[in-house]
Amino acid sequence: NATATPEIYTLELSSAASDVYKRQVPWLGLGLLLFFGVPVVKWWRRRRRMRRLRTGDISAAWDEIVARLDDLGRPPSPADTPTEVAAKVDPAMSPLATVYTRSLYGSTATLPDEHIDSARKSFEQTADRLTTRHSRWERVRANYRVKTLLPKWMKRKR
C-alpha cells in the first residue's frame, strides 16, 4: 500500500495575463506614489515649519502662508512687500507681516516673545480664514498641487 503524498496546486498565469500584470503594476505603483506622496511631503514640510515656528523662527510661518496661497492658486506677487501681501490677503495677516518684516530688516537681535506670540496668533487666524474662505474641493486640489514642492529656480516665470 503506497502512502499518499499531498498534491501541491499552483496557479499559473497565462503568458498574456502575466505580461499585462507586469505592465500595469509599475503604473499602479506610480499612481499610488503620486496620490499619497504629494500630500505626505506637504504634511512633512508643514510639520517641519511649525516646529521652526515654535522655536521663534517667524520666516517659517510666512513661508507656510505663502505656500498655502500658492497652492490655492493665489500666489503673492514677488514685487509686493509682506505688508502689501497681508493687505491683499486678509487683515488678520498684518501682525505676521509686520513681525516678519522686522525679523528680515530689523536688528540681528532676537525678537521679543510678545512679537513672536503676535505673529503666531496672526498665522493661526490667517490659516483659519483661508480654510473658511476656500471650499473643501479647492483645499483638496491645493493639497495635490506639486508647484510648491519644486525648487524656486524651476518656478520662475520666463
Protein backbone atom coordinates (compact mmCIF):
# COMPACT_ATOMS: atom_id res chain seq x y z
CA ASN A 1 0.00 0.00 0.00
CA ALA A 2 1.56 3.21 -1.17
CA THR A 3 1.39 6.28 1.06
CA ALA A 4 -0.46 9.23 -0.39
CA THR A 5 1.59 12.34 -0.89
CA PRO A 6 -0.19 15.68 -0.80
CA GLU A 7 -0.51 17.32 -4.14
CA ILE A 8 0.54 20.93 -4.39
CA TYR A 9 -1.55 23.04 -6.68
CA THR A 10 -0.05 26.14 -8.16
CA LEU A 11 -1.81 28.86 -10.02
CA GLU A 12 -0.04 29.63 -13.20
CA LEU A 13 -0.90 32.71 -15.13
CA SER A 14 -1.06 32.55 -18.85
CA SER A 15 1.72 34.41 -20.55
CA ALA A 16 -0.73 37.09 -21.77
CA ALA A 17 -2.06 37.70 -18.25
CA SER A 18 1.47 37.75 -16.91
CA ASP A 19 2.50 40.40 -19.45
CA VAL A 20 -0.47 42.60 -18.56
CA TYR A 21 0.34 42.21 -14.88
CA LYS A 22 3.98 43.16 -15.45
CA ARG A 23 2.97 46.27 -17.41
CA GLN A 24 0.27 47.52 -15.03
CA VAL A 25 1.91 47.05 -11.65
CA PRO A 26 4.56 49.75 -12.16
CA TRP A 27 1.89 52.22 -13.29
CA LEU A 28 -0.26 51.36 -10.31
CA GLY A 29 2.73 51.89 -8.04
CA LEU A 30 3.47 55.25 -9.64
CA GLY A 31 -0.16 56.28 -9.29
CA LEU A 32 -0.22 55.36 -5.61
CA LEU A 33 3.06 57.18 -5.05
CA LEU A 34 1.66 60.35 -6.61
CA PHE A 35 -1.69 60.01 -4.85
CA PHE A 36 -0.17 59.62 -1.40
CA GLY A 37 3.29 61.09 -1.95
CA VAL A 38 2.45 64.74 -2.61
CA PRO A 39 0.19 65.20 0.43
CA VAL A 40 2.65 63.34 2.67
CA VAL A 41 5.55 65.53 1.54
CA LYS A 42 3.46 68.66 2.12
CA TRP A 43 2.41 67.41 5.56
CA TRP A 44 6.04 66.72 6.46
CA ARG A 45 7.13 70.16 5.20
CA ARG A 46 4.32 71.87 7.15
CA ARG A 47 5.24 69.96 10.28
CA ARG A 48 8.88 71.00 9.95
CA ARG A 49 7.89 74.65 9.51
CA MET A 50 5.63 74.55 12.55
CA ARG A 51 8.49 73.13 14.58
CA ARG A 52 10.63 76.07 13.43
CA LEU A 53 7.85 78.49 14.36
CA ARG A 54 7.70 77.05 17.89
CA THR A 55 11.39 77.90 18.26
CA GLY A 56 10.70 81.51 17.23
CA ASP A 57 11.50 81.39 13.51
CA ILE A 58 8.88 83.76 12.07
CA SER A 59 10.02 83.08 8.50
CA ALA A 60 8.57 79.57 8.86
CA ALA A 61 5.07 80.98 9.39
CA TRP A 62 5.48 83.36 6.47
CA ASP A 63 6.78 80.59 4.19
CA GLU A 64 3.84 78.37 5.14
CA ILE A 65 1.21 81.03 4.42
CA VAL A 66 2.85 81.92 1.10
CA ALA A 67 2.97 78.23 0.15
CA ARG A 68 -0.72 77.81 1.03
CA LEU A 69 -1.64 80.84 -1.05
CA ASP A 70 0.38 79.46 -3.94
CA ASP A 71 -1.29 76.05 -3.60
CA LEU A 72 -4.70 77.72 -3.61
CA GLY A 73 -3.84 79.46 -6.87
CA ARG A 74 -3.35 82.91 -5.34
CA PRO A 75 0.43 83.34 -5.12
CA PRO A 76 1.56 86.73 -3.86
CA SER A 77 3.47 88.91 -6.26
CA PRO A 78 7.22 88.80 -5.67
CA ALA A 79 7.24 92.58 -6.08
CA ASP A 80 4.93 93.09 -3.08
CA THR A 81 6.27 93.70 0.39
CA PRO A 82 4.99 91.47 3.20
CA THR A 83 2.73 94.33 4.35
CA GLU A 84 1.24 94.67 0.86
CA VAL A 85 0.67 90.92 0.65
CA ALA A 86 -1.11 90.97 4.02
CA ALA A 87 -3.33 93.88 2.92
CA LYS A 88 -4.36 91.93 -0.21
CA VAL A 89 -4.95 88.61 1.57
CA ASP A 90 -6.60 89.36 4.90
CA PRO A 91 -6.29 91.95 7.71
CA ALA A 92 -5.57 89.11 10.16
CA MET A 93 -2.25 88.61 8.36
CA SER A 94 -0.96 92.13 9.14
CA PRO A 95 0.71 91.34 12.51
CA LEU A 96 2.54 88.39 10.91
CA ALA A 97 3.71 90.62 8.05
CA THR A 98 4.89 93.29 10.47
CA VAL A 99 6.88 90.89 12.64
CA TYR A 100 8.25 89.08 9.58
CA THR A 101 9.43 92.42 8.14
CA ARG A 102 11.08 93.27 11.47
CA SER A 103 12.83 89.91 11.51
CA LEU A 104 14.16 90.47 7.99
CA TYR A 105 15.15 94.11 8.13
CA GLY A 106 15.47 94.81 11.84
CA SER A 107 18.43 94.32 14.12
CA THR A 108 20.08 90.94 14.38
CA ALA A 109 18.87 90.55 17.97
CA THR A 110 16.13 88.01 18.58
CA LEU A 111 12.56 89.23 18.55
CA PRO A 112 10.73 89.78 21.84
CA ASP A 113 8.37 86.98 22.88
CA GLU A 114 5.29 89.19 22.53
CA HIS A 115 6.13 89.80 18.86
CA ILE A 116 6.56 86.08 18.24
CA ASP A 117 3.25 85.34 20.01
CA SER A 118 1.52 88.03 17.97
CA ALA A 119 2.88 86.58 14.73
CA ARG A 120 1.90 83.05 15.78
CA LYS A 121 -1.68 84.14 16.52
CA SER A 122 -1.82 86.04 13.25
CA PHE A 123 -0.62 82.96 11.39
CA GLU A 124 -3.30 80.78 13.01
CA GLN A 125 -6.06 83.31 12.26
CA THR A 126 -4.93 83.72 8.66
CA ALA A 127 -4.74 79.94 8.15
CA ASP A 128 -8.26 79.58 9.62
CA ARG A 129 -9.61 82.30 7.35
CA LEU A 130 -8.04 80.72 4.29
CA THR A 131 -9.69 77.44 5.29
CA THR A 132 -13.14 79.02 5.62
CA ARG A 133 -12.74 81.17 2.50
CA HIS A 134 -11.98 78.25 0.18
CA SER A 135 -14.21 75.26 -0.47
CA ARG A 136 -13.25 71.77 0.53
CA TRP A 137 -12.70 70.89 -3.15
CA GLU A 138 -10.28 73.84 -3.57
CA ARG A 139 -8.36 72.76 -0.47
CA VAL A 140 -8.15 69.13 -1.63
CA ARG A 141 -6.95 70.26 -5.06
CA ALA A 142 -4.40 72.55 -3.40
CA ASN A 143 -3.11 69.60 -1.38
CA TYR A 144 -2.16 67.85 -4.63
CA ARG A 145 -0.53 70.80 -6.39
CA VAL A 146 3.10 69.98 -7.00
CA LYS A 147 4.24 73.52 -7.82
CA THR A 148 5.14 74.48 -4.24
CA LEU A 149 7.32 71.39 -3.90
CA LEU A 150 9.52 72.44 -6.81
CA PRO A 151 12.71 74.42 -6.21
CA LYS A 152 12.33 78.19 -6.63
CA TRP A 153 14.51 78.30 -9.73
CA MET A 154 12.11 75.93 -11.52
CA LYS A 155 9.07 78.10 -10.71
CA ARG A 156 10.44 81.35 -12.12
CA LYS A 157 8.42 82.72 -14.98
CA ARG A 158 10.44 83.41 -18.08
